[in-house]
Amino acid sequence: MTSFIAQLSDSHITTGPLSGGPAAGLQLALARVMALDPRPDCVVITGDLTDHGRPDEYAALREIIGSFPLPLHLTTGNHDDRVALLDVFGGEAYYLVEYPEFTVVALDSLIPGSPAGELGAEQLAWLDQVLGRRPGMPVLIGLHHPPVPVGIRFLDNMRLRDGETLREVVSGHSNVVRVMAGHVHRTITTGFAGSLLTIAPSLWRQAGLLFNSDEPPGYLAEPTGFLLHMIDGPDCVTHTVPVSHTAALLGAY
């Protein structure tokens, strides 16, 4: 049986005069998800759900996604607030969801007050344990901060601090087919721990490509989109789905 998992990221929902762009970006992406045939089994949003982590922003996020009919799994980013997120949506900061044909593990890399990320020993030990629950079942891990440098120095300085420990954990489990991240606001793919790390673009705006400086790369009005992971037997194939610059069908929800 073939399974599909949509990976969205960095919606940066806010309120007030500047709220229209991010809200439209998320809604348009979810409408594009609904038009896919077949529709994905679930959607994972890999962090920076809101721009400032305020309760009113999570209330706005709930308005946008509240009627979305597919399972939707949220992870924290450095722009989020763990307490405010859980107050609105409930649940736990990190968790797993076991589907009949695959498992999604959502991690919490938020360090309050810091743009960098960290999982910590307790969460990594939990991850090691849950990855062994169904050793023959494909697992997709979602978190916000990439565990490796991507070449944009400003963003590499705020990546996952314990990325090498995450590499050690993932290396011990051959059933991890994807490690899904965001944070960089660009589409990036690299090998990681015997698996593949996929970084999804932002649903709002993209970061510039600045490889030779420590300065902020700035933001560009480049196309938005998301990633679609297809699990077919032992294989996991990832497609890039354009959103803002395409004439593709949109679905309602």
C-alpha atoms as a PDB file:
ATOM      1  CA  MET A   1       0.000   0.000   0.000  1.00  0.00           C
ATOM      2  CA  THR A   2       1.329   3.442  -0.950  1.00  0.00           C
ATOM      3  CA  SER A   3       1.280   6.192   1.698  1.00  0.00           C
ATOM      4  CA  PHE A   4       1.681   9.955   1.295  1.00  0.00           C
ATOM      5  CA  ILE A   5       2.868  12.475   3.888  1.00  0.00           C
ATOM      6  CA  ALA A   6       2.851  16.218   3.134  1.00  0.00           C
ATOM      7  CA  GLN A   7       5.575  18.279   4.809  1.00  0.00           C
ATOM      8  CA  LEU A   8       4.791  21.988   5.212  1.00  0.00           C
ATOM      9  CA  SER A   9       6.870  24.481   7.166  1.00  0.00           C
ATOM     10  CA  ASP A  10       7.337  27.993   8.497  1.00  0.00           C
ATOM     11  CA  SER A  11       3.888  29.521   8.133  1.00  0.00           C
ATOM     12  CA  HIS A  12       4.668  32.408  10.554  1.00  0.00           C
ATOM     13  CA  ILE A  13       1.009  33.166  11.231  1.00  0.00           C
ATOM     14  CA  THR A  14       0.458  36.523  12.920  1.00  0.00           C
ATOM     15  CA  THR A  15      -2.330  39.025  13.571  1.00  0.00           C
ATOM     16  CA  GLY A  16      -2.834  42.676  12.761  1.00  0.00           C
ATOM     17  CA  PRO A  17      -2.016  44.671   9.595  1.00  0.00           C
ATOM     18  CA  LEU A  18       0.684  42.240   8.370  1.00  0.00           C
ATOM     19  CA  SER A  19      -1.295  39.041   8.912  1.00  0.00           C
ATOM     20  CA  GLY A  20      -2.753  38.619   5.419  1.00  0.00           C
ATOM     21  CA  GLY A  21       0.310  37.255   3.627  1.00  0.00           C
ATOM     22  CA  PRO A  22       1.215  34.436   6.022  1.00  0.00           C
ATOM     23  CA  ALA A  23      -2.440  33.422   6.469  1.00  0.00           C
ATOM     24  CA  ALA A  24      -2.999  33.284   2.704  1.00  0.00           C
ATOM     25  CA  GLY A  25       0.213  31.278   2.256  1.00  0.00           C
ATOM     26  CA  LEU A  26      -0.889  28.592   4.701  1.00  0.00           C
ATOM     27  CA  GLN A  27      -4.465  28.452   3.431  1.00  0.00           C
ATOM     28  CA  LEU A  28      -3.321  28.192  -0.185  1.00  0.00           C
ATOM     29  CA  ALA A  29      -0.914  25.356   0.659  1.00  0.00           C
ATOM     30  CA  LEU A  30      -3.611  23.419   2.522  1.00  0.00           C
ATOM     31  CA  ALA A  31      -5.992  23.938  -0.403  1.00  0.00           C
ATOM     32  CA  ARG A  32      -3.301  22.532  -2.721  1.00  0.00           C
ATOM     33  CA  VAL A  33      -2.942  19.523  -0.412  1.00  0.00           C
ATOM     34  CA  MET A  34      -6.683  18.919  -0.640  1.00  0.00           C
ATOM     35  CA  ALA A  35      -6.512  18.843  -4.451  1.00  0.00           C
ATOM     36  CA  LEU A  36      -3.868  16.100  -4.564  1.00  0.00           C
ATOM     37  CA  ASP A  37      -5.012  12.729  -5.869  1.00  0.00           C
ATOM     38  CA  PRO A  38      -4.831  10.731  -3.733  1.00  0.00           C
ATOM     39  CA  ARG A  39      -4.927  13.026  -0.747  1.00  0.00           C
ATOM     40  CA  PRO A  40      -2.085  12.538   1.734  1.00  0.00           C
ATOM     41  CA  ASP A  41      -2.570  10.354   4.773  1.00  0.00           C
ATOM     42  CA  CYS A  42      -1.452  13.269   6.945  1.00  0.00           C
ATOM     43  CA  VAL A  43       0.241  16.673   6.996  1.00  0.00           C
ATOM     44  CA  VAL A  44       3.238  17.628   9.148  1.00  0.00           C
ATOM     45  CA  ILE A  45       4.148  21.297   9.712  1.00  0.00           C
ATOM     46  CA  THR A  46       7.772  21.524  10.827  1.00  0.00           C
ATOM     47  CA  GLY A  47       7.741  24.555  13.083  1.00  0.00           C
ATOM     48  CA  ASP A  48       7.544  28.333  13.151  1.00  0.00           C
ATOM     49  CA  LEU A  49       3.796  27.973  13.086  1.00  0.00           C
ATOM     50  CA  THR A  50       3.463  31.570  14.302  1.00  0.00           C
ATOM     51  CA  ASP A  51       5.697  34.620  14.051  1.00  0.00           C
ATOM     52  CA  HIS A  52       5.850  35.662  17.715  1.00  0.00           C
ATOM     53  CA  GLY A  53       4.335  32.762  19.683  1.00  0.00           C
ATOM     54  CA  ARG A  54       1.461  34.866  21.033  1.00  0.00           C
ATOM     55  CA  PRO A  55      -1.862  33.314  22.119  1.00  0.00           C
ATOM     56  CA  ASP A  56      -3.753  35.453  19.593  1.00  0.00           C
ATOM     57  CA  GLU A  57      -1.552  34.067  16.805  1.00  0.00           C
ATOM     58  CA  TYR A  58      -2.346  30.485  17.805  1.00  0.00           C
ATOM     59  CA  ALA A  59      -6.018  31.416  17.870  1.00  0.00           C
ATOM     60  CA  ALA A  60      -5.622  32.708  14.295  1.00  0.00           C
ATOM     61  CA  LEU A  61      -3.806  29.508  13.326  1.00  0.00           C
ATOM     62  CA  ARG A  62      -6.649  27.444  14.759  1.00  0.00           C
ATOM     63  CA  GLU A  63      -9.115  29.420  12.642  1.00  0.00           C
ATOM     64  CA  ILE A  64      -7.166  28.562   9.487  1.00  0.00           C
ATOM     65  CA  ILE A  65      -6.624  24.864  10.186  1.00  0.00           C
ATOM     66  CA  GLY A  66      -9.593  24.084  12.428  1.00  0.00           C
ATOM     67  CA  SER A  67     -11.765  22.654   9.663  1.00  0.00           C
ATOM     68  CA  PHE A  68      -8.943  20.920   7.785  1.00  0.00           C
ATOM     69  CA  PRO A  69     -10.153  17.329   7.382  1.00  0.00           C
ATOM     70  CA  LEU A  70      -6.822  15.456   7.225  1.00  0.00           C
ATOM     71  CA  PRO A  71      -4.677  14.567  10.254  1.00  0.00           C
ATOM     72  CA  LEU A  72      -2.351  17.510  10.895  1.00  0.00           C
ATOM     73  CA  HIS A  73       0.742  17.184  13.114  1.00  0.00           C
ATOM     74  CA  LEU A  74       2.408  20.345  14.467  1.00  0.00           C
ATOM     75  CA  THR A  75       5.966  20.825  15.738  1.00  0.00           C
ATOM     76  CA  THR A  76       7.520  23.786  17.541  1.00  0.00           C
ATOM     77  CA  GLY A  77       9.991  26.235  15.995  1.00  0.00           C
ATOM     78  CA  ASN A  78      12.072  29.027  17.476  1.00  0.00           C
ATOM     79  CA  HIS A  79       9.325  31.571  16.695  1.00  0.00           C
ATOM     80  CA  ASP A  80       6.794  29.495  18.658  1.00  0.00           C
ATOM     81  CA  ASP A  81       5.881  29.365  22.322  1.00  0.00           C
ATOM     82  CA  ARG A  82       5.471  25.882  23.743  1.00  0.00           C
ATOM     83  CA  VAL A  83       2.967  26.802  26.460  1.00  0.00           C
ATOM     84  CA  ALA A  84       0.801  28.970  24.209  1.00  0.00           C
ATOM     85  CA  LEU A  85       0.742  26.285  21.506  1.00  0.00           C
ATOM     86  CA  LEU A  86      -0.318  23.538  23.894  1.00  0.00           C
ATOM     87  CA  ASP A  87      -2.882  25.798  25.563  1.00  0.00           C
ATOM     88  CA  VAL A  88      -4.682  26.179  22.227  1.00  0.00           C
ATOM     89  CA  PHE A  89      -4.123  22.757  20.650  1.00  0.00           C
ATOM     90  CA  GLY A  90      -3.483  20.451  23.606  1.00  0.00           C
ATOM     91  CA  GLY A  91      -1.363  17.325  23.420  1.00  0.00           C
ATOM     92  CA  GLU A  92       2.359  17.079  24.110  1.00  0.00           C
ATOM     93  CA  ALA A  93       5.350  19.031  22.837  1.00  0.00           C
ATOM     94  CA  TYR A  94       6.858  15.867  21.334  1.00  0.00           C
ATOM     95  CA  TYR A  95       4.947  12.736  20.403  1.00  0.00           C
ATOM     96  CA  LEU A  96       4.504   9.907  17.923  1.00  0.00           C
ATOM     97  CA  VAL A  97       1.559   8.881  15.757  1.00  0.00           C
ATOM     98  CA  GLU A  98       1.445   5.301  14.525  1.00  0.00           C
ATOM     99  CA  TYR A  99      -0.344   4.758  11.216  1.00  0.00           C
ATOM    100  CA  PRO A 100      -0.950   1.275   9.806  1.00  0.00           C
ATOM    101  CA  GLU A 101       1.827   1.670   7.208  1.00  0.00           C
ATOM    102  CA  PHE A 102       4.207   4.218   8.789  1.00  0.00           C
ATOM    103  CA  THR A 103       5.012   6.215  11.928  1.00  0.00           C
ATOM    104  CA  VAL A 104       5.360   9.980  12.359  1.00  0.00           C
ATOM    105  CA  VAL A 105       7.532  11.240  15.217  1.00  0.00           C
ATOM    106  CA  ALA A 106       7.213  14.960  16.028  1.00  0.00           C
ATOM    107  CA  LEU A 107      10.108  16.428  18.028  1.00  0.00           C
ATOM    108  CA  ASP A 108      10.371  19.650  20.028  1.00  0.00           C
ATOM    109  CA  SER A 109      13.618  21.555  19.315  1.00  0.00           C
ATOM    110  CA  LEU A 110      12.518  24.872  20.862  1.00  0.00           C
ATOM    111  CA  ILE A 111      14.873  26.665  23.252  1.00  0.00           C
ATOM    112  CA  PRO A 112      12.885  29.583  24.735  1.00  0.00           C
ATOM    113  CA  GLY A 113      14.560  32.875  23.894  1.00  0.00           C
ATOM    114  CA  SER A 114      17.052  31.381  21.425  1.00  0.00           C
ATOM    115  CA  PRO A 115      16.951  31.068  17.617  1.00  0.00           C
ATOM    116  CA  ALA A 116      18.952  27.830  17.855  1.00  0.00           C
ATOM    117  CA  GLY A 117      17.454  24.450  18.684  1.00  0.00           C
ATOM    118  CA  GLU A 118      18.122  21.547  21.015  1.00  0.00           C
ATOM    119  CA  LEU A 119      16.392  18.259  21.765  1.00  0.00           C
ATOM    120  CA  GLY A 120      18.097  17.339  25.019  1.00  0.00           C
ATOM    121  CA  ALA A 121      19.076  14.000  26.517  1.00  0.00           C
ATOM    122  CA  GLU A 122      15.601  13.077  27.763  1.00  0.00           C
ATOM    123  CA  GLN A 123      13.889  13.604  24.424  1.00  0.00           C
ATOM    124  CA  LEU A 124      16.670  11.843  22.504  1.00  0.00           C
ATOM    125  CA  ALA A 125      16.432   8.834  24.824  1.00  0.00           C
ATOM    126  CA  TRP A 126      12.659   8.788  24.238  1.00  0.00           C
ATOM    127  CA  LEU A 127      13.252   8.960  20.473  1.00  0.00           C
ATOM    128  CA  ASP A 128      15.654   6.032  20.595  1.00  0.00           C
ATOM    129  CA  GLN A 129      13.045   4.016  22.462  1.00  0.00           C
ATOM    130  CA  VAL A 130      10.091   4.786  20.188  1.00  0.00           C
ATOM    131  CA  LEU A 131      12.072   4.174  16.998  1.00  0.00           C
ATOM    132  CA  GLY A 132      12.400   0.581  18.144  1.00  0.00           C
ATOM    133  CA  ARG A 133       8.674   0.032  18.732  1.00  0.00           C
ATOM    134  CA  ARG A 134       7.979  -1.150  15.174  1.00  0.00           C
ATOM    135  CA  PRO A 135      11.410  -1.904  13.661  1.00  0.00           C
ATOM    136  CA  GLY A 136      10.024  -2.976  10.304  1.00  0.00           C
ATOM    137  CA  MET A 137       7.790   0.087   9.847  1.00  0.00           C
ATOM    138  CA  PRO A 138       8.962   3.245   8.003  1.00  0.00           C
ATOM    139  CA  VAL A 139       9.405   6.239  10.308  1.00  0.00           C
ATOM    140  CA  LEU A 140       9.408   9.929   9.416  1.00  0.00           C
ATOM    141  CA  ILE A 141      10.868  12.286  12.030  1.00  0.00           C
ATOM    142  CA  GLY A 142       9.758  15.923  12.034  1.00  0.00           C
ATOM    143  CA  LEU A 143      11.548  18.773  13.802  1.00  0.00           C
ATOM    144  CA  HIS A 144      12.212  22.436  13.097  1.00  0.00           C
ATOM    145  CA  HIS A 145      15.978  22.922  13.288  1.00  0.00           C
ATOM    146  CA  PRO A 146      18.244  21.148  10.778  1.00  0.00           C
ATOM    147  CA  PRO A 147      20.832  18.967  12.518  1.00  0.00           C
ATOM    148  CA  VAL A 148      23.583  19.775   9.975  1.00  0.00           C
ATOM    149  CA  PRO A 149      24.993  22.978   8.439  1.00  0.00           C
ATOM    150  CA  VAL A 150      23.502  23.934   5.072  1.00  0.00           C
ATOM    151  CA  GLY A 151      26.113  26.515   4.003  1.00  0.00           C
ATOM    152  CA  ILE A 152      24.200  29.698   4.875  1.00  0.00           C
ATOM    153  CA  ARG A 153      26.366  30.769   7.799  1.00  0.00           C
ATOM    154  CA  PHE A 154      23.852  33.002   9.555  1.00  0.00           C
ATOM    155  CA  LEU A 155      21.362  30.121   9.729  1.00  0.00           C
ATOM    156  CA  ASP A 156      24.002  27.479  10.450  1.00  0.00           C
ATOM    157  CA  ASN A 157      24.820  29.401  13.634  1.00  0.00           C
ATOM    158  CA  MET A 158      21.281  28.681  14.851  1.00  0.00           C
ATOM    159  CA  ARG A 159      20.864  25.049  13.807  1.00  0.00           C
ATOM    160  CA  LEU A 160      20.201  22.095  16.131  1.00  0.00           C
ATOM    161  CA  ARG A 161      22.883  22.130  18.846  1.00  0.00           C
ATOM    162  CA  ASP A 162      22.788  18.394  19.488  1.00  0.00           C
ATOM    163  CA  GLY A 163      22.563  17.362  15.857  1.00  0.00           C
ATOM    164  CA  GLU A 164      25.427  14.895  16.188  1.00  0.00           C
ATOM    165  CA  THR A 165      23.648  13.094  19.014  1.00  0.00           C
ATOM    166  CA  LEU A 166      20.508  12.942  16.875  1.00  0.00           C
ATOM    167  CA  ARG A 167      22.696  11.442  14.131  1.00  0.00           C
ATOM    168  CA  GLU A 168      23.846   8.721  16.518  1.00  0.00           C
ATOM    169  CA  VAL A 169      20.269   7.854  17.501  1.00  0.00           C
ATOM    170  CA  VAL A 170      18.930   7.788  13.942  1.00  0.00           C
ATOM    171  CA  SER A 171      21.931   5.747  12.747  1.00  0.00           C
ATOM    172  CA  GLY A 172      20.834   2.936  15.033  1.00  0.00           C
ATOM    173  CA  HIS A 173      17.451   2.551  13.327  1.00  0.00           C
ATOM    174  CA  SER A 174      17.363   1.584   9.664  1.00  0.00           C
ATOM    175  CA  ASN A 175      13.598   2.179   9.449  1.00  0.00           C
ATOM    176  CA  VAL A 176      13.950   6.003   9.530  1.00  0.00           C
ATOM    177  CA  VAL A 177      13.171   6.960   5.930  1.00  0.00           C
ATOM    178  CA  ARG A 178      13.084  10.757   6.353  1.00  0.00           C
ATOM    179  CA  VAL A 179      14.174  13.406   8.827  1.00  0.00           C
ATOM    180  CA  MET A 180      11.988  16.430   8.022  1.00  0.00           C
ATOM    181  CA  ALA A 181      13.041  19.957   9.035  1.00  0.00           C
ATOM    182  CA  GLY A 182      12.291  23.602   8.307  1.00  0.00           C
ATOM    183  CA  HIS A 183      13.854  26.821   9.695  1.00  0.00           C
ATOM    184  CA  VAL A 184      15.967  27.658   6.624  1.00  0.00           C
ATOM    185  CA  HIS A 185      13.109  28.844   4.364  1.00  0.00           C
ATOM    186  CA  ARG A 186      14.572  26.964   1.398  1.00  0.00           C
ATOM    187  CA  THR A 187      14.209  23.502  -0.173  1.00  0.00           C
ATOM    188  CA  ILE A 188      17.327  21.518   0.761  1.00  0.00           C
ATOM    189  CA  THR A 189      18.105  17.795   0.729  1.00  0.00           C
ATOM    190  CA  THR A 190      21.113  15.948   2.146  1.00  0.00           C
ATOM    191  CA  GLY A 191      22.041  12.513   3.419  1.00  0.00           C
ATOM    192  CA  PHE A 192      21.843  12.137   7.186  1.00  0.00           C
ATOM    193  CA  ALA A 193      22.571   9.168   9.444  1.00  0.00           C
ATOM    194  CA  GLY A 194      21.879   6.597   6.735  1.00  0.00           C
ATOM    195  CA  SER A 195      18.613   8.341   5.899  1.00  0.00           C
ATOM    196  CA  LEU A 196      17.675  11.577   4.110  1.00  0.00           C
ATOM    197  CA  LEU A 197      17.179  15.031   5.605  1.00  0.00           C
ATOM    198  CA  THR A 198      14.584  17.129   3.757  1.00  0.00           C
ATOM    199  CA  ILE A 199      14.192  20.816   4.575  1.00  0.00           C
ATOM    200  CA  ALA A 200      10.920  22.280   3.337  1.00  0.00           C
ATOM    201  CA  PRO A 201      10.503  25.822   1.992  1.00  0.00           C
ATOM    202  CA  SER A 202       8.526  28.441   3.866  1.00  0.00           C
ATOM    203  CA  LEU A 203       4.839  28.956   3.156  1.00  0.00           C
ATOM    204  CA  TRP A 204       5.449  32.717   3.445  1.00  0.00           C
ATOM    205  CA  ARG A 205       8.827  33.887   2.078  1.00  0.00           C
ATOM    206  CA  GLN A 206      12.205  32.336   1.292  1.00  0.00           C
ATOM    207  CA  ALA A 207      15.709  33.079   2.602  1.00  0.00           C
ATOM    208  CA  GLY A 208      18.393  34.340   0.270  1.00  0.00           C
ATOM    209  CA  LEU A 209      21.366  32.220  -0.792  1.00  0.00           C
ATOM    210  CA  LEU A 210      24.300  33.864   0.971  1.00  0.00           C
ATOM    211  CA  PHE A 211      27.243  31.481   1.266  1.00  0.00           C
ATOM    212  CA  ASN A 212      30.209  33.839   1.788  1.00  0.00           C
ATOM    213  CA  SER A 213      29.092  36.002   4.711  1.00  0.00           C
ATOM    214  CA  ASP A 214      27.856  35.764   8.295  1.00  0.00           C
ATOM    215  CA  GLU A 215      25.291  38.494   7.632  1.00  0.00           C
ATOM    216  CA  PRO A 216      21.535  37.720   7.578  1.00  0.00           C
ATOM    217  CA  PRO A 217      20.639  36.365   4.116  1.00  0.00           C
ATOM    218  CA  GLY A 218      17.454  38.423   3.854  1.00  0.00           C
ATOM    219  CA  TYR A 219      14.101  37.284   2.509  1.00  0.00           C
ATOM    220  CA  LEU A 220      12.931  36.941  -1.075  1.00  0.00           C
ATOM    221  CA  ALA A 221       9.503  36.697  -2.658  1.00  0.00           C
ATOM    222  CA  GLU A 222      10.442  33.365  -4.228  1.00  0.00           C
ATOM    223  CA  PRO A 223       7.779  30.696  -4.840  1.00  0.00           C
ATOM    224  CA  THR A 224       6.248  28.881  -1.897  1.00  0.00           C
ATOM    225  CA  GLY A 225       5.528  25.168  -1.811  1.00  0.00           C
ATOM    226  CA  PHE A 226       5.773  21.994   0.227  1.00  0.00           C
ATOM    227  CA  LEU A 227       7.224  18.501   0.079  1.00  0.00           C
ATOM    228  CA  LEU A 228       5.274  15.306  -0.508  1.00  0.00           C
ATOM    229  CA  HIS A 229       6.824  12.060   0.718  1.00  0.00           C
ATOM    230  CA  MET A 230       5.567   8.882  -0.950  1.00  0.00           C
ATOM    231  CA  ILE A 231       6.229   5.575   0.820  1.00  0.00           C
ATOM    232  CA  ASP A 232       5.894   2.591  -1.498  1.00  0.00           C
ATOM    233  CA  GLY A 233       7.172  -0.639   0.001  1.00  0.00           C
ATOM    234  CA  PRO A 234      10.841  -0.162   0.929  1.00  0.00           C
ATOM    235  CA  ASP A 235      11.129   3.101  -1.028  1.00  0.00           C
ATOM    236  CA  CYS A 236      10.467   6.681   0.054  1.00  0.00           C
ATOM    237  CA  VAL A 237      10.318   9.244  -2.766  1.00  0.00           C
ATOM    238  CA  THR A 238       9.997  12.998  -2.172  1.00  0.00           C
ATOM    239  CA  HIS A 239       8.257  15.391  -4.569  1.00  0.00           C
ATOM    240  CA  THR A 240       8.323  19.196  -4.429  1.00  0.00           C
ATOM    241  CA  VAL A 241       4.838  20.659  -4.853  1.00  0.00           C
ATOM    242  CA  PRO A 242       4.772  24.332  -5.957  1.00  0.00           C
ATOM    243  CA  VAL A 243       1.987  26.454  -4.503  1.00  0.00           C
ATOM    244  CA  SER A 244       2.224  30.194  -5.097  1.00  0.00           C
ATOM    245  CA  HIS A 245       3.483  30.086  -8.707  1.00  0.00           C
ATOM    246  CA  THR A 246       1.347  27.364 -10.211  1.00  0.00           C
ATOM    247  CA  ALA A 247      -1.987  26.988 -11.954  1.00  0.00           C
ATOM    248  CA  ALA A 248      -2.640  23.665 -10.240  1.00  0.00           C
ATOM    249  CA  LEU A 249      -6.010  22.704  -8.813  1.00  0.00           C
ATOM    250  CA  LEU A 250      -6.988  23.870  -5.340  1.00  0.00           C
ATOM    251  CA  GLY A 251      -9.361  22.003  -3.035  1.00  0.00           C
ATOM    252  CA  ALA A 252     -11.803  23.373  -0.513  1.00  0.00           C
ATOM    253  CA  TYR A 253     -12.001  22.618   3.212  1.00  0.00           C
END
